[in-house]
Amino acid sequence: MLGLIGKKLGMLRIFDSNGTAIPVTVIEAGPCRVTQVKTAEKDGYNAVQLGFGQKKEKHLTKPVKGHLEKVPGYLPRTLGEFRVQDVSGFQLGQELTVEIFKEGEGVDVTGTVKGRGFQGVVKRHGFSGGDEAHGCDSKRVPGSVGSSADPSRTWKNMKLPGQYGNTRQTVMSLRVVKVDTERNCLFVNGAVPGPSNGRVLVAKKKLG
């Protein structure tokens, strides 16, 4: 489904007509411009590549500069693509704004969660840890992971300490509460992956 590239601004709450507080994430979505139109005949699938933000020319690599020559004068900070069924309605340089979204419709938001480095099992997997008594020697350790003489090894996919965060995740079927066309902002019900000012992809989706 078609969507936009945006920037997560943060979270707040708004009130509906009944006075109910709704937690929302504010996303600056677009405006984005079409930098490439992919077709099934040439690329194997139909998709629209969009650009978001602005970047100085000196910070672009030569391959990216050559790619962006199809849209003169446009130097986006971020590129992303959305698969669509039909690309006949898109052309290079076309601008897409937050107006493609409507209040009440569903969206899938993709972002990169915060990287937390090497973490133990309590923070990484939510283990409860050992007893907080004076005689307990295992406060935040994973505990026994062996399997005796058979098979004499640790099983695969065991929950152990390791790298936590810095992964790409998608939250699906979030509801658009409000569309601010003047400030290019989407108000989405709930939380989305990533830190404030992090780049996100917002794709249209049918709820239900």
C-alpha atoms as a PDB file:
ATOM      1  CA  MET A   1       0.000   0.000   0.000  1.00  0.00           C
ATOM      2  CA  LEU A   2       1.076   3.578  -0.613  1.00  0.00           C
ATOM      3  CA  GLY A   3       2.480   5.631   2.247  1.00  0.00           C
ATOM      4  CA  LEU A   4       4.902   8.373   3.243  1.00  0.00           C
ATOM      5  CA  ILE A   5       8.271   8.731   4.901  1.00  0.00           C
ATOM      6  CA  GLY A   6       8.161  10.776   8.071  1.00  0.00           C
ATOM      7  CA  LYS A   7       9.808  11.820  11.307  1.00  0.00           C
ATOM      8  CA  LYS A   8       8.565  10.865  14.753  1.00  0.00           C
ATOM      9  CA  LEU A   9       8.122  14.067  16.761  1.00  0.00           C
ATOM     10  CA  GLY A  10       6.936  12.576  20.061  1.00  0.00           C
ATOM     11  CA  MET A  11       3.832  11.581  22.002  1.00  0.00           C
ATOM     12  CA  LEU A  12       0.991  13.519  23.607  1.00  0.00           C
ATOM     13  CA  ARG A  13      -2.698  13.081  24.311  1.00  0.00           C
ATOM     14  CA  ILE A  14      -5.725  14.640  22.696  1.00  0.00           C
ATOM     15  CA  PHE A  15      -9.386  14.558  23.693  1.00  0.00           C
ATOM     16  CA  ASP A  16     -12.296  13.434  21.547  1.00  0.00           C
ATOM     17  CA  SER A  17     -15.812  14.903  21.550  1.00  0.00           C
ATOM     18  CA  ASN A  18     -16.729  12.798  24.603  1.00  0.00           C
ATOM     19  CA  GLY A  19     -13.766  14.038  26.633  1.00  0.00           C
ATOM     20  CA  THR A  20     -11.894  10.738  26.409  1.00  0.00           C
ATOM     21  CA  ALA A  21      -8.096  11.079  26.447  1.00  0.00           C
ATOM     22  CA  ILE A  22      -6.411   9.387  23.482  1.00  0.00           C
ATOM     23  CA  PRO A  23      -2.623   8.744  23.537  1.00  0.00           C
ATOM     24  CA  VAL A  24      -1.180   9.615  20.144  1.00  0.00           C
ATOM     25  CA  THR A  25       2.175   9.760  18.409  1.00  0.00           C
ATOM     26  CA  VAL A  26       2.791  12.842  16.266  1.00  0.00           C
ATOM     27  CA  ILE A  27       4.529  12.074  12.964  1.00  0.00           C
ATOM     28  CA  GLU A  28       5.706  14.691  10.497  1.00  0.00           C
ATOM     29  CA  ALA A  29       4.757  12.799   7.328  1.00  0.00           C
ATOM     30  CA  GLY A  30       6.069  14.277   4.090  1.00  0.00           C
ATOM     31  CA  PRO A  31       5.929  16.099   1.897  1.00  0.00           C
ATOM     32  CA  CYS A  32       7.661  13.438  -0.180  1.00  0.00           C
ATOM     33  CA  ARG A  33       8.574  13.415  -3.849  1.00  0.00           C
ATOM     34  CA  VAL A  34       8.742  10.453  -6.212  1.00  0.00           C
ATOM     35  CA  THR A  35      12.375   9.660  -7.078  1.00  0.00           C
ATOM     36  CA  GLN A  36      11.825   6.353  -8.895  1.00  0.00           C
ATOM     37  CA  VAL A  37       8.941   4.312 -10.276  1.00  0.00           C
ATOM     38  CA  LYS A  38       9.607   0.564 -10.343  1.00  0.00           C
ATOM     39  CA  THR A  39       7.634  -1.739 -12.656  1.00  0.00           C
ATOM     40  CA  ALA A  40       7.188  -5.482 -12.767  1.00  0.00           C
ATOM     41  CA  GLU A  41       8.553  -5.627 -16.325  1.00  0.00           C
ATOM     42  CA  LYS A  42      11.821  -3.890 -15.474  1.00  0.00           C
ATOM     43  CA  ASP A  43      12.377  -4.447 -11.737  1.00  0.00           C
ATOM     44  CA  GLY A  44      10.284  -7.537 -11.015  1.00  0.00           C
ATOM     45  CA  TYR A  45       7.687  -5.747  -8.874  1.00  0.00           C
ATOM     46  CA  ASN A  46       5.659  -2.541  -8.761  1.00  0.00           C
ATOM     47  CA  ALA A  47       6.818   0.077  -6.266  1.00  0.00           C
ATOM     48  CA  VAL A  48       7.211   3.803  -5.761  1.00  0.00           C
ATOM     49  CA  GLN A  49      10.414   5.202  -4.271  1.00  0.00           C
ATOM     50  CA  LEU A  50      10.006   8.410  -2.281  1.00  0.00           C
ATOM     51  CA  GLY A  51      12.399  10.975  -0.835  1.00  0.00           C
ATOM     52  CA  PHE A  52      11.983  12.903   2.416  1.00  0.00           C
ATOM     53  CA  GLY A  53      13.810  15.852   3.934  1.00  0.00           C
ATOM     54  CA  GLN A  54      16.709  17.892   2.570  1.00  0.00           C
ATOM     55  CA  LYS A  55      20.434  17.214   2.450  1.00  0.00           C
ATOM     56  CA  LYS A  56      23.458  19.171   1.244  1.00  0.00           C
ATOM     57  CA  GLU A  57      24.957  18.019  -2.027  1.00  0.00           C
ATOM     58  CA  LYS A  58      28.433  17.638  -0.494  1.00  0.00           C
ATOM     59  CA  HIS A  59      27.057  14.971   1.850  1.00  0.00           C
ATOM     60  CA  LEU A  60      25.765  12.751  -0.979  1.00  0.00           C
ATOM     61  CA  THR A  61      27.779   9.970  -2.588  1.00  0.00           C
ATOM     62  CA  LYS A  62      28.300   9.917  -6.347  1.00  0.00           C
ATOM     63  CA  PRO A  63      25.987   6.910  -6.910  1.00  0.00           C
ATOM     64  CA  VAL A  64      23.170   8.662  -5.026  1.00  0.00           C
ATOM     65  CA  LYS A  65      23.788  11.896  -6.946  1.00  0.00           C
ATOM     66  CA  GLY A  66      23.516  10.000 -10.215  1.00  0.00           C
ATOM     67  CA  HIS A  67      20.325   8.338  -9.072  1.00  0.00           C
ATOM     68  CA  LEU A  68      18.755  11.660  -8.117  1.00  0.00           C
ATOM     69  CA  GLU A  69      19.608  13.352 -11.429  1.00  0.00           C
ATOM     70  CA  LYS A  70      16.211  12.156 -12.685  1.00  0.00           C
ATOM     71  CA  VAL A  71      14.646  14.726 -10.329  1.00  0.00           C
ATOM     72  CA  PRO A  72      16.760  17.892 -10.812  1.00  0.00           C
ATOM     73  CA  GLY A  73      17.330  20.080  -7.776  1.00  0.00           C
ATOM     74  CA  TYR A  74      15.952  17.560  -5.276  1.00  0.00           C
ATOM     75  CA  LEU A  75      18.358  16.221  -2.630  1.00  0.00           C
ATOM     76  CA  PRO A  76      16.398  14.198  -0.040  1.00  0.00           C
ATOM     77  CA  ARG A  77      17.869  13.070   3.250  1.00  0.00           C
ATOM     78  CA  THR A  78      16.026   9.741   3.280  1.00  0.00           C
ATOM     79  CA  LEU A  79      14.846   7.360   0.567  1.00  0.00           C
ATOM     80  CA  GLY A  80      12.219   4.672   0.975  1.00  0.00           C
ATOM     81  CA  GLU A  81       9.852   2.689  -1.205  1.00  0.00           C
ATOM     82  CA  PHE A  82       6.321   1.367  -1.017  1.00  0.00           C
ATOM     83  CA  ARG A  83       4.959  -1.500  -3.070  1.00  0.00           C
ATOM     84  CA  VAL A  84       1.775  -0.707  -4.983  1.00  0.00           C
ATOM     85  CA  GLN A  85      -0.420  -2.673  -7.349  1.00  0.00           C
ATOM     86  CA  ASP A  86      -0.566  -0.018 -10.060  1.00  0.00           C
ATOM     87  CA  VAL A  87       2.121   2.587 -10.819  1.00  0.00           C
ATOM     88  CA  SER A  88       0.330   4.281 -13.695  1.00  0.00           C
ATOM     89  CA  GLY A  89      -0.714   7.237 -11.511  1.00  0.00           C
ATOM     90  CA  PHE A  90       2.842   8.145 -10.438  1.00  0.00           C
ATOM     91  CA  GLN A  91       5.577  10.079 -12.187  1.00  0.00           C
ATOM     92  CA  LEU A  92       9.045  11.352 -11.321  1.00  0.00           C
ATOM     93  CA  GLY A  93       9.054  14.518  -9.214  1.00  0.00           C
ATOM     94  CA  GLN A  94       5.427  14.131  -8.138  1.00  0.00           C
ATOM     95  CA  GLU A  95       4.821  15.428  -4.606  1.00  0.00           C
ATOM     96  CA  LEU A  96       2.806  13.432  -2.080  1.00  0.00           C
ATOM     97  CA  THR A  97       1.559  15.045   1.105  1.00  0.00           C
ATOM     98  CA  VAL A  98      -0.206  14.001   4.279  1.00  0.00           C
ATOM     99  CA  GLU A  99      -3.516  14.539   2.467  1.00  0.00           C
ATOM    100  CA  ILE A 100      -3.367  10.944   1.166  1.00  0.00           C
ATOM    101  CA  PHE A 101      -4.395   9.837   4.697  1.00  0.00           C
ATOM    102  CA  LYS A 102      -7.850  10.151   6.189  1.00  0.00           C
ATOM    103  CA  GLU A 103      -9.001  10.198   9.796  1.00  0.00           C
ATOM    104  CA  GLY A 104     -10.091   6.792  11.027  1.00  0.00           C
ATOM    105  CA  GLU A 105      -8.122   4.690   8.543  1.00  0.00           C
ATOM    106  CA  GLY A 106      -5.402   2.237   9.516  1.00  0.00           C
ATOM    107  CA  VAL A 107      -1.659   2.512   9.004  1.00  0.00           C
ATOM    108  CA  ASP A 108       1.418   0.338   9.510  1.00  0.00           C
ATOM    109  CA  VAL A 109       4.374   2.249  10.977  1.00  0.00           C
ATOM    110  CA  THR A 110       7.927   0.947  10.547  1.00  0.00           C
ATOM    111  CA  GLY A 111      10.904   2.322  12.447  1.00  0.00           C
ATOM    112  CA  THR A 112      14.210   1.387  14.076  1.00  0.00           C
ATOM    113  CA  VAL A 113      14.019   0.892  17.835  1.00  0.00           C
ATOM    114  CA  LYS A 114      16.622   2.381  20.142  1.00  0.00           C
ATOM    115  CA  GLY A 115      19.893   0.449  20.408  1.00  0.00           C
ATOM    116  CA  ARG A 116      20.699  -0.567  23.984  1.00  0.00           C
ATOM    117  CA  GLY A 117      23.955  -2.433  23.439  1.00  0.00           C
ATOM    118  CA  PHE A 118      24.854  -5.696  25.178  1.00  0.00           C
ATOM    119  CA  GLN A 119      22.271  -6.441  27.884  1.00  0.00           C
ATOM    120  CA  GLY A 120      21.533  -9.240  30.309  1.00  0.00           C
ATOM    121  CA  VAL A 121      18.502 -11.517  30.409  1.00  0.00           C
ATOM    122  CA  VAL A 122      16.563  -9.377  32.911  1.00  0.00           C
ATOM    123  CA  LYS A 123      16.436  -6.349  30.609  1.00  0.00           C
ATOM    124  CA  ARG A 124      16.610  -8.204  27.290  1.00  0.00           C
ATOM    125  CA  HIS A 125      14.047 -10.948  27.946  1.00  0.00           C
ATOM    126  CA  GLY A 126      12.229  -9.805  31.073  1.00  0.00           C
ATOM    127  CA  PHE A 127      13.560 -12.482  33.444  1.00  0.00           C
ATOM    128  CA  SER A 128      12.546 -11.934  37.070  1.00  0.00           C
ATOM    129  CA  GLY A 129      16.015 -12.589  38.489  1.00  0.00           C
ATOM    130  CA  GLY A 130      16.933 -14.334  41.704  1.00  0.00           C
ATOM    131  CA  ASP A 131      15.676 -13.764  45.231  1.00  0.00           C
ATOM    132  CA  GLU A 132      16.638 -10.502  46.884  1.00  0.00           C
ATOM    133  CA  ALA A 133      17.662 -12.331  50.062  1.00  0.00           C
ATOM    134  CA  HIS A 134      21.112 -12.181  51.637  1.00  0.00           C
ATOM    135  CA  GLY A 135      21.873 -15.812  50.835  1.00  0.00           C
ATOM    136  CA  CYS A 136      21.039 -15.606  47.119  1.00  0.00           C
ATOM    137  CA  ASP A 137      24.106 -15.665  44.858  1.00  0.00           C
ATOM    138  CA  SER A 138      22.195 -15.365  41.548  1.00  0.00           C
ATOM    139  CA  LYS A 139      20.615 -11.934  41.286  1.00  0.00           C
ATOM    140  CA  ARG A 140      20.439 -11.261  37.526  1.00  0.00           C
ATOM    141  CA  VAL A 141      21.955 -14.373  35.945  1.00  0.00           C
ATOM    142  CA  PRO A 142      20.109 -16.581  33.407  1.00  0.00           C
ATOM    143  CA  GLY A 143      20.441 -19.741  35.489  1.00  0.00           C
ATOM    144  CA  SER A 144      21.096 -23.278  34.266  1.00  0.00           C
ATOM    145  CA  VAL A 145      21.082 -23.679  30.484  1.00  0.00           C
ATOM    146  CA  GLY A 146      22.680 -27.111  30.056  1.00  0.00           C
ATOM    147  CA  SER A 147      21.011 -30.428  29.234  1.00  0.00           C
ATOM    148  CA  SER A 148      23.223 -32.923  31.116  1.00  0.00           C
ATOM    149  CA  ALA A 149      25.102 -35.560  29.089  1.00  0.00           C
ATOM    150  CA  ASP A 150      22.458 -35.676  26.382  1.00  0.00           C
ATOM    151  CA  PRO A 151      22.787 -33.694  24.133  1.00  0.00           C
ATOM    152  CA  SER A 152      25.780 -32.158  25.985  1.00  0.00           C
ATOM    153  CA  ARG A 153      25.224 -28.738  24.469  1.00  0.00           C
ATOM    154  CA  THR A 154      23.079 -25.652  24.804  1.00  0.00           C
ATOM    155  CA  TRP A 155      19.867 -25.701  22.782  1.00  0.00           C
ATOM    156  CA  LYS A 156      19.429 -23.243  19.945  1.00  0.00           C
ATOM    157  CA  ASN A 157      17.324 -20.105  20.497  1.00  0.00           C
ATOM    158  CA  MET A 158      18.055 -20.115  24.218  1.00  0.00           C
ATOM    159  CA  LYS A 159      17.280 -16.761  25.851  1.00  0.00           C
ATOM    160  CA  LEU A 160      20.715 -15.471  26.808  1.00  0.00           C
ATOM    161  CA  PRO A 161      22.478 -12.090  27.167  1.00  0.00           C
ATOM    162  CA  GLY A 162      23.341 -10.297  23.934  1.00  0.00           C
ATOM    163  CA  GLN A 163      22.681  -7.344  21.622  1.00  0.00           C
ATOM    164  CA  TYR A 164      19.367  -5.663  22.434  1.00  0.00           C
ATOM    165  CA  GLY A 165      17.577  -3.099  20.302  1.00  0.00           C
ATOM    166  CA  ASN A 166      18.709  -1.395  17.076  1.00  0.00           C
ATOM    167  CA  THR A 167      16.298  -3.530  15.045  1.00  0.00           C
ATOM    168  CA  ARG A 168      13.704  -2.631  12.441  1.00  0.00           C
ATOM    169  CA  GLN A 169      10.159  -3.214  13.684  1.00  0.00           C
ATOM    170  CA  THR A 170       6.652  -2.580  12.395  1.00  0.00           C
ATOM    171  CA  VAL A 171       3.563  -1.784  14.456  1.00  0.00           C
ATOM    172  CA  MET A 172       0.496  -2.761  12.472  1.00  0.00           C
ATOM    173  CA  SER A 173      -3.086  -1.499  12.253  1.00  0.00           C
ATOM    174  CA  LEU A 174      -2.719   1.786  14.106  1.00  0.00           C
ATOM    175  CA  ARG A 175      -5.593   4.234  13.692  1.00  0.00           C
ATOM    176  CA  VAL A 176      -5.162   7.746  12.320  1.00  0.00           C
ATOM    177  CA  VAL A 177      -6.842  10.055  14.854  1.00  0.00           C
ATOM    178  CA  LYS A 178      -6.129  13.408  13.203  1.00  0.00           C
ATOM    179  CA  VAL A 179      -4.581  14.776  10.010  1.00  0.00           C
ATOM    180  CA  ASP A 180      -2.985  18.253  10.187  1.00  0.00           C
ATOM    181  CA  THR A 181      -2.476  19.336   6.577  1.00  0.00           C
ATOM    182  CA  GLU A 182      -1.055  22.755   7.522  1.00  0.00           C
ATOM    183  CA  ARG A 183       1.861  21.300   9.486  1.00  0.00           C
ATOM    184  CA  ASN A 184       2.104  17.971   7.574  1.00  0.00           C
ATOM    185  CA  CYS A 185       1.452  16.002  10.766  1.00  0.00           C
ATOM    186  CA  LEU A 186      -0.282  12.703  11.465  1.00  0.00           C
ATOM    187  CA  PHE A 187      -1.696  11.905  14.899  1.00  0.00           C
ATOM    188  CA  VAL A 188      -1.614   8.111  15.256  1.00  0.00           C
ATOM    189  CA  ASN A 189      -3.254   6.291  18.151  1.00  0.00           C
ATOM    190  CA  GLY A 190      -0.597   4.481  20.204  1.00  0.00           C
ATOM    191  CA  ALA A 191       3.195   4.211  20.204  1.00  0.00           C
ATOM    192  CA  VAL A 192       5.470   3.654  17.206  1.00  0.00           C
ATOM    193  CA  PRO A 193       9.031   2.273  17.088  1.00  0.00           C
ATOM    194  CA  GLY A 194      12.066   4.493  17.402  1.00  0.00           C
ATOM    195  CA  PRO A 195      13.209   7.600  19.287  1.00  0.00           C
ATOM    196  CA  SER A 196      12.009  11.145  18.792  1.00  0.00           C
ATOM    197  CA  ASN A 197      13.242  12.603  15.473  1.00  0.00           C
ATOM    198  CA  GLY A 198      13.714   9.057  14.168  1.00  0.00           C
ATOM    199  CA  ARG A 199      12.720   8.245  10.589  1.00  0.00           C
ATOM    200  CA  VAL A 200       9.605   6.119  10.113  1.00  0.00           C
ATOM    201  CA  LEU A 201       7.632   4.710   7.185  1.00  0.00           C
ATOM    202  CA  VAL A 202       3.857   5.116   7.381  1.00  0.00           C
ATOM    203  CA  ALA A 203       1.935   2.813   5.038  1.00  0.00           C
ATOM    204  CA  LYS A 204      -1.815   2.875   4.417  1.00  0.00           C
ATOM    205  CA  LYS A 205      -3.788  -0.187   5.504  1.00  0.00           C
ATOM    206  CA  LYS A 206      -7.433  -1.180   5.708  1.00  0.00           C
ATOM    207  CA  LEU A 207      -8.636  -1.865   9.254  1.00  0.00           C
ATOM    208  CA  GLY A 208     -10.799  -4.910   9.868  1.00  0.00           C
END
